[in-house]
Amino acid sequence: MRTDVERVLEKIRPALQADGGDVELVDVEGGVVKVRLTGACGGCPMATVTLKHGIEATLKEEIPSVDRVESV
């Protein structure tokens, strides 16, 4: 599943990088994907929205076995 998550994150990454941020995959444990938002995304007040409505929603749509995404 880690390879699938990386593939989806590669699709999301350009939008984050356009705003000066990025996302790093830290771990996949069962259906829980752990990521780290970096750059401008790391300290952005909208980071939770990006995480839940952007990254998590896209991962769940493309990989049904993803239950949730956590920021670490």
Protein backbone atom coordinates (compact mmCIF):
# COMPACT_ATOMS: atom_id res chain seq x y z
CA MET A 1 0.00 0.00 0.00
CA ARG A 2 2.94 2.34 0.63
CA THR A 3 3.73 2.42 -3.09
CA ASP A 4 0.12 3.33 -3.90
CA VAL A 5 0.17 6.13 -1.32
CA GLU A 6 3.41 7.52 -2.77
CA ARG A 7 1.87 7.45 -6.27
CA VAL A 8 -1.16 9.48 -5.10
CA LEU A 9 1.00 11.93 -3.15
CA GLU A 10 2.98 12.58 -6.34
CA LYS A 11 -0.28 13.78 -7.93
CA ILE A 12 -1.02 16.10 -4.97
CA ARG A 13 2.52 17.41 -4.51
CA PRO A 14 2.58 19.98 -7.39
CA ALA A 15 -0.34 21.92 -5.88
CA LEU A 16 1.40 22.08 -2.51
CA GLN A 17 4.71 23.05 -4.06
CA ALA A 18 3.03 25.85 -5.99
CA ASP A 19 2.23 27.43 -2.61
CA GLY A 20 5.73 26.85 -1.22
CA GLY A 21 4.99 23.65 0.69
CA ASP A 22 5.25 19.91 0.31
CA VAL A 23 4.14 16.63 1.85
CA GLU A 24 6.40 13.83 3.07
CA LEU A 25 5.19 10.27 3.67
CA VAL A 26 6.35 9.16 7.11
CA ASP A 27 4.62 5.81 7.57
CA VAL A 28 1.66 3.63 6.67
CA GLU A 29 0.20 1.54 9.49
CA GLY A 30 -2.81 -0.46 8.43
CA GLY A 31 -5.28 2.06 7.07
CA VAL A 32 -3.55 5.03 8.71
CA VAL A 33 -1.26 7.16 6.58
CA LYS A 34 1.16 9.40 8.48
CA VAL A 35 2.51 12.44 6.67
CA ARG A 36 4.50 15.55 7.46
CA LEU A 37 3.60 18.86 5.85
CA THR A 38 6.75 20.87 5.14
CA GLY A 39 7.71 24.31 3.90
CA ALA A 40 4.91 26.85 3.87
CA CYS A 41 2.37 24.08 4.55
CA GLY A 42 4.06 23.19 7.84
CA GLY A 43 3.05 26.38 9.61
CA CYS A 44 0.01 27.36 7.58
CA PRO A 45 -3.24 28.00 9.48
CA MET A 46 -5.04 26.09 6.71
CA ALA A 47 -2.87 22.99 7.12
CA THR A 48 -5.68 20.99 8.75
CA VAL A 49 -8.00 21.77 5.85
CA THR A 50 -5.29 20.78 3.37
CA LEU A 51 -4.67 17.57 5.27
CA LYS A 52 -8.31 16.48 5.64
CA HIS A 53 -10.06 17.89 2.59
CA GLY A 54 -7.16 17.67 0.18
CA ILE A 55 -4.72 14.91 1.01
CA GLU A 56 -6.99 12.57 3.01
CA ALA A 57 -9.95 12.92 0.62
CA THR A 58 -7.78 12.20 -2.42
CA LEU A 59 -6.08 9.21 -0.80
CA LYS A 60 -9.42 7.73 0.32
CA GLU A 61 -10.89 8.20 -3.14
CA GLU A 62 -8.00 6.47 -4.89
CA ILE A 63 -7.13 3.90 -2.21
CA PRO A 64 -10.28 2.61 -0.45
CA SER A 65 -8.25 0.86 2.27
CA VAL A 66 -7.06 4.24 3.64
CA ASP A 67 -9.03 5.03 6.81
CA ARG A 68 -7.45 8.34 7.76
CA VAL A 69 -4.43 10.59 7.36
CA GLU A 70 -2.52 11.97 10.35
CA SER A 71 0.03 14.73 10.49
CA VAL A 72 3.15 13.90 12.51
